[in-house]
Amino acid sequence: MPELPEAETLARGLRTLIPGSVVRRTRVIHPDVLRVPARRFRTSLTGRTVTAVGRRAKNLVLELDGGDGALVVNLGMTGRLVPMGFPGADRGRPTHPAVRFAFGQGRSLVFDDVRRFGSLEVFDAAGWAERSRQIGPEPLSPGYRWTRLREDLQRSRTPLRNWLLDQRKIAGVGNIYANEACYRAGVRPHRPACDVEETEARALHRAIREVLEEGIEHGGTTLRDYRNVDGEPGGNQRRLRVYGREGAPCPSCATPVERTVFGNRSAFFCPRCQS
């Protein structure tokens, strides 16, 4: 599933192409990815100008003219936005188009989703502000301090990895980067969140930011489906230290990486380096 670095990579790629484009026509191919009836969705977008492209958590946010609302795209497990007809941006071709936005002059934007677990929704300004308030803090925000992380962890006995996946607690972190952050912080992913000590919280805060920033720097992590706006895979998968590496030697101590399953998802850790 695309996480914060993958969504941020897509947002940065689209930011150079899409702003200023006017939605002339919206073709809904698979309405099951919409959160409202297709007719209402099309009507709410026709004639609107995309003024900016941003990100909130794992969502891509296409701001609309007048500062009044946004098209919010949740990528689900296999979703991506593919620009078509823009100069230098025709390398990525949609294979499973669900929604197509036509901008005129042969340019369009396609929401492509193999498994169709993603979703698209149009909000007015107040509606999006309310939805955004239900999402946790952005971990890369300058205002997100380790003290906030520690205070929030102290309120929960949820396994640490699961706590990090809760988008109400912290925005944009998924299973890949949660496992990698726990490894760098030296904390086992199945420990209760409230048991994380002060020094460990400091290390975890630093590790979360490091793994996310590195993920963005290397264009995201591609394990199977993820591609950037050019149709290219990310490069961060080569930097993973524990995720998906069961039985491989720990990069620090050479102890075999172990895998455990809880919350119906795999977690990976070094039994020697993480306590």
Protein backbone atom coordinates (compact mmCIF):
# COMPACT_ATOMS: atom_id res chain seq x y z
CA MET A 1 0.00 0.00 0.00
CA PRO A 2 1.40 3.45 -0.85
CA GLU A 3 2.43 5.25 2.31
CA LEU A 4 3.49 8.83 3.01
CA PRO A 5 6.69 8.78 0.90
CA GLU A 6 4.90 7.29 -2.11
CA ALA A 7 2.01 9.77 -1.86
CA GLU A 8 4.45 12.66 -1.44
CA THR A 9 6.46 11.51 -4.46
CA LEU A 10 3.30 11.43 -6.58
CA ALA A 11 2.20 14.84 -5.28
CA ARG A 12 5.54 16.40 -6.17
CA GLY A 13 5.43 14.92 -9.64
CA LEU A 14 1.90 16.15 -10.28
CA ARG A 15 2.65 19.57 -8.81
CA THR A 16 4.79 20.42 -11.83
CA LEU A 17 2.04 19.49 -14.31
CA ILE A 18 -1.53 19.77 -13.07
CA PRO A 19 -2.05 23.21 -11.39
CA GLY A 20 -3.95 25.56 -13.70
CA SER A 21 -5.77 22.70 -15.47
CA VAL A 22 -9.54 23.04 -15.84
CA VAL A 23 -11.68 19.91 -15.56
CA ARG A 24 -13.67 19.88 -18.82
CA ARG A 25 -15.15 16.41 -18.43
CA THR A 26 -15.03 13.55 -15.94
CA ARG A 27 -15.53 9.99 -17.09
CA VAL A 28 -16.32 7.51 -14.33
CA ILE A 29 -15.41 4.02 -15.51
CA HIS A 30 -15.74 2.24 -12.16
CA PRO A 31 -18.07 4.11 -9.79
CA ASP A 32 -17.17 1.83 -6.87
CA VAL A 33 -14.11 4.03 -6.20
CA LEU A 34 -16.34 7.06 -5.52
CA ARG A 35 -17.82 8.05 -2.17
CA VAL A 36 -20.82 9.78 -3.80
CA PRO A 37 -23.02 9.00 -6.83
CA ALA A 38 -21.17 9.40 -10.11
CA ARG A 39 -23.46 12.17 -11.40
CA ARG A 40 -22.91 14.30 -8.31
CA PHE A 41 -19.17 13.66 -8.50
CA ARG A 42 -18.99 14.76 -12.14
CA THR A 43 -21.13 17.85 -11.51
CA SER A 44 -19.04 18.98 -8.55
CA LEU A 45 -15.87 18.99 -10.69
CA THR A 46 -16.98 20.25 -14.11
CA GLY A 47 -15.44 23.63 -14.85
CA ARG A 48 -13.29 23.65 -11.71
CA THR A 49 -9.61 24.57 -11.89
CA VAL A 50 -6.99 22.60 -10.03
CA THR A 51 -4.92 25.26 -8.28
CA ALA A 52 -2.46 23.15 -6.29
CA VAL A 53 -1.49 19.57 -5.49
CA GLY A 54 -0.68 18.56 -1.94
CA ARG A 55 -0.74 15.62 0.42
CA ARG A 56 -2.38 14.83 3.75
CA ALA A 57 -1.36 11.53 5.33
CA LYS A 58 -1.57 8.95 2.51
CA ASN A 59 -4.02 11.09 0.50
CA LEU A 60 -3.35 13.24 -2.53
CA VAL A 61 -5.16 16.58 -2.26
CA LEU A 62 -5.96 18.48 -5.46
CA GLU A 63 -7.08 21.94 -4.35
CA LEU A 64 -9.81 23.60 -6.38
CA ASP A 65 -10.31 27.19 -7.49
CA GLY A 66 -11.46 29.86 -5.08
CA GLY A 67 -9.94 28.05 -2.12
CA ASP A 68 -13.28 26.31 -1.82
CA GLY A 69 -12.70 22.61 -1.61
CA ALA A 70 -10.55 19.80 -2.86
CA LEU A 71 -10.55 16.53 -4.73
CA VAL A 72 -9.07 14.04 -2.26
CA VAL A 73 -7.64 10.78 -3.58
CA ASN A 74 -6.87 7.89 -1.28
CA LEU A 75 -4.57 5.51 -3.13
CA GLY A 76 -5.72 2.37 -1.32
CA MET A 77 -3.40 -0.55 -2.07
CA THR A 78 -2.65 -0.11 -5.76
CA GLY A 79 -3.97 3.30 -6.78
CA ARG A 80 -2.05 6.00 -8.64
CA LEU A 81 -2.72 9.16 -10.64
CA VAL A 82 -1.40 9.06 -14.19
CA PRO A 83 -1.03 12.32 -16.18
CA MET A 84 -1.59 11.92 -19.92
CA GLY A 85 -0.75 14.28 -22.77
CA PHE A 86 1.51 16.57 -20.76
CA PRO A 87 4.95 17.25 -22.28
CA GLY A 88 7.40 14.65 -21.02
CA ALA A 89 4.80 12.86 -18.92
CA ASP A 90 3.57 10.04 -21.14
CA ARG A 91 5.86 7.30 -19.88
CA GLY A 92 3.34 5.87 -17.43
CA ARG A 93 0.31 4.31 -19.10
CA PRO A 94 -2.82 3.39 -17.12
CA THR A 95 -3.62 -0.32 -17.14
CA HIS A 96 -6.75 -0.32 -14.94
CA PRO A 97 -8.35 3.14 -15.31
CA ALA A 98 -11.22 3.88 -12.92
CA VAL A 99 -11.77 7.64 -13.43
CA ARG A 100 -10.50 9.94 -16.16
CA PHE A 101 -10.39 13.74 -15.88
CA ALA A 102 -10.15 15.52 -19.25
CA PHE A 103 -8.50 18.96 -19.21
CA GLY A 104 -8.58 19.79 -22.90
CA GLN A 105 -5.69 20.11 -25.37
CA GLY A 106 -5.35 16.34 -25.22
CA ARG A 107 -4.37 16.41 -21.55
CA SER A 108 -5.96 14.31 -18.86
CA LEU A 109 -5.42 12.73 -15.47
CA VAL A 110 -6.37 9.10 -14.84
CA PHE A 111 -6.98 7.42 -11.51
CA ASP A 112 -5.60 3.96 -12.16
CA ASP A 113 -6.24 1.21 -9.61
CA VAL A 114 -5.72 -2.52 -10.15
CA ARG A 115 -7.64 -3.68 -7.08
CA ARG A 116 -9.91 -0.63 -6.73
CA PHE A 117 -9.47 -0.27 -2.99
CA GLY A 118 -8.70 3.42 -3.46
CA SER A 119 -11.28 6.18 -3.28
CA LEU A 120 -12.03 9.66 -4.61
CA GLU A 121 -14.13 12.29 -2.91
CA VAL A 122 -14.82 16.00 -3.44
CA PHE A 123 -15.05 18.16 -0.31
CA ASP A 124 -15.97 21.78 0.22
CA ALA A 125 -13.52 23.73 2.35
CA ALA A 126 -15.36 23.12 5.63
CA GLY A 127 -15.86 19.43 4.91
CA TRP A 128 -12.19 18.83 4.13
CA ALA A 129 -11.08 20.80 7.19
CA GLU A 130 -13.28 18.58 9.36
CA ARG A 131 -12.01 15.38 7.73
CA SER A 132 -8.41 16.54 8.10
CA ARG A 133 -8.94 17.16 11.82
CA GLN A 134 -9.78 13.47 12.20
CA ILE A 135 -6.30 12.53 10.94
CA GLY A 136 -3.29 12.54 13.24
CA PRO A 137 -0.34 14.94 13.07
CA GLU A 138 2.04 14.93 10.13
CA PRO A 139 5.28 13.30 11.34
CA LEU A 140 7.47 15.47 9.10
CA SER A 141 5.91 18.71 10.30
CA PRO A 142 8.42 20.96 12.13
CA GLY A 143 5.91 21.24 14.95
CA TYR A 144 5.70 17.50 15.60
CA ARG A 145 8.01 16.93 18.57
CA TRP A 146 9.14 13.78 20.32
CA THR A 147 7.30 14.94 23.45
CA ARG A 148 3.97 14.76 21.59
CA LEU A 149 4.82 11.26 20.40
CA ARG A 150 5.72 10.14 23.93
CA GLU A 151 2.56 11.61 25.45
CA ASP A 152 0.36 9.92 22.85
CA LEU A 153 2.12 6.56 23.23
CA GLN A 154 1.60 6.63 26.99
CA ARG A 155 -2.17 6.54 26.52
CA SER A 156 -2.28 3.18 24.73
CA ARG A 157 -1.42 -0.47 25.34
CA THR A 158 -1.76 -1.21 21.61
CA PRO A 159 1.29 -2.94 20.08
CA LEU A 160 3.66 -0.23 18.90
CA ARG A 161 3.56 -1.22 15.21
CA ASN A 162 -0.25 -1.16 15.24
CA TRP A 163 -0.25 2.20 17.00
CA LEU A 164 1.95 3.65 14.28
CA LEU A 165 -0.45 2.38 11.61
CA ASP A 166 -3.43 4.16 13.19
CA GLN A 167 -3.96 7.25 11.03
CA ARG A 168 -5.77 8.95 13.92
CA LYS A 169 -2.55 8.79 15.93
CA ILE A 170 0.04 9.72 13.30
CA ALA A 171 -0.48 10.48 9.62
CA GLY A 172 0.89 8.55 6.68
CA VAL A 173 2.90 5.78 8.34
CA GLY A 174 2.21 2.29 6.98
CA ASN A 175 3.58 -1.16 7.68
CA ILE A 176 6.83 -0.78 5.74
CA TYR A 177 8.00 2.41 7.41
CA ALA A 178 6.62 1.46 10.84
CA ASN A 179 8.77 -1.69 10.86
CA GLU A 180 11.81 0.20 9.63
CA ALA A 181 11.37 2.94 12.25
CA CYS A 182 11.02 0.42 15.07
CA TYR A 183 14.23 -1.27 13.92
CA ARG A 184 16.22 1.96 13.84
CA ALA A 185 14.87 2.94 17.25
CA GLY A 186 15.80 -0.45 18.71
CA VAL A 187 12.24 -1.20 19.84
CA ARG A 188 10.37 -4.40 19.04
CA PRO A 189 7.19 -3.73 17.03
CA HIS A 190 4.94 -5.84 19.28
CA ARG A 191 5.76 -4.05 22.53
CA PRO A 192 2.87 -2.11 24.12
CA ALA A 193 3.02 1.54 23.07
CA CYS A 194 2.82 2.73 26.67
CA ASP A 195 5.97 0.77 27.56
CA VAL A 196 8.16 2.90 25.27
CA GLU A 197 10.53 4.81 27.52
CA GLU A 198 11.60 8.42 27.13
CA THR A 199 14.93 7.67 25.45
CA GLU A 200 13.21 5.18 23.14
CA ALA A 201 10.53 7.75 22.25
CA ARG A 202 13.25 10.22 21.28
CA ALA A 203 14.92 7.57 19.12
CA LEU A 204 11.60 6.49 17.58
CA HIS A 205 10.66 10.07 16.71
CA ARG A 206 14.01 10.52 14.98
CA ALA A 207 13.72 7.15 13.23
CA ILE A 208 10.21 7.85 11.91
CA ARG A 209 11.37 11.08 10.34
CA GLU A 210 14.53 9.50 8.92
CA VAL A 211 12.81 6.57 7.22
CA LEU A 212 10.09 8.79 5.75
CA GLU A 213 12.54 11.41 4.50
CA GLU A 214 14.76 8.72 2.96
CA GLY A 215 11.71 7.13 1.35
CA ILE A 216 10.85 10.43 -0.29
CA GLU A 217 14.46 11.06 -1.31
CA HIS A 218 14.58 7.70 -3.12
CA GLY A 219 11.20 8.04 -4.81
CA GLY A 220 9.21 5.68 -2.59
CA THR A 221 9.27 1.93 -2.07
CA THR A 222 8.14 -0.42 -4.82
CA LEU A 223 7.48 -3.98 -3.72
CA ARG A 224 5.07 -4.76 -6.54
CA ASP A 225 2.64 -2.16 -7.94
CA TYR A 226 3.74 1.33 -6.94
CA ARG A 227 4.97 3.63 -9.73
CA ASN A 228 5.62 7.38 -9.81
CA VAL A 229 3.98 9.76 -12.31
CA ASP A 230 6.54 8.73 -14.94
CA GLY A 231 5.63 5.08 -14.53
CA GLU A 232 8.95 4.32 -12.85
CA PRO A 233 9.32 2.22 -9.68
CA GLY A 234 10.73 3.71 -6.51
CA GLY A 235 14.25 2.96 -5.33
CA ASN A 236 13.83 2.83 -1.57
CA GLN A 237 13.19 -0.93 -1.44
CA ARG A 238 16.94 -1.46 -1.71
CA ARG A 239 17.39 0.42 1.57
CA LEU A 240 14.99 -1.62 3.71
CA ARG A 241 16.79 -3.18 6.66
CA VAL A 242 14.16 -5.54 8.09
CA TYR A 243 10.86 -5.30 6.23
CA GLY A 244 10.33 -8.39 4.06
CA ARG A 245 13.78 -9.76 5.03
CA GLU A 246 12.83 -12.73 7.20
CA GLY A 247 15.87 -14.98 7.67
CA ALA A 248 18.29 -12.46 6.16
CA PRO A 249 21.13 -11.17 8.35
CA CYS A 250 20.52 -8.02 10.36
CA PRO A 251 22.64 -5.22 8.82
CA SER A 252 24.04 -4.37 12.26
CA CYS A 253 24.69 -7.72 13.97
CA ALA A 254 24.07 -10.42 11.32
CA THR A 255 21.41 -12.12 13.48
CA PRO A 256 18.65 -13.49 11.20
CA VAL A 257 15.69 -11.14 10.92
CA GLU A 258 12.53 -12.63 12.39
CA ARG A 259 8.92 -12.30 11.29
CA THR A 260 5.85 -12.36 13.48
CA VAL A 261 2.16 -11.81 12.71
CA PHE A 262 -0.22 -9.78 14.85
CA GLY A 263 -3.17 -7.64 13.90
CA ASN A 264 -3.35 -9.82 10.77
CA ARG A 265 -0.17 -8.25 9.40
CA SER A 266 3.47 -9.27 9.35
CA ALA A 267 6.08 -7.48 11.40
CA PHE A 268 9.83 -7.86 11.02
CA PHE A 269 12.52 -7.26 13.64
CA CYS A 270 15.99 -8.19 14.81
CA PRO A 271 15.75 -10.17 18.07
CA ARG A 272 19.17 -8.93 19.16
CA CYS A 273 19.12 -5.24 18.20
CA GLN A 274 15.52 -4.58 19.26
CA SER A 275 14.29 -5.00 22.83
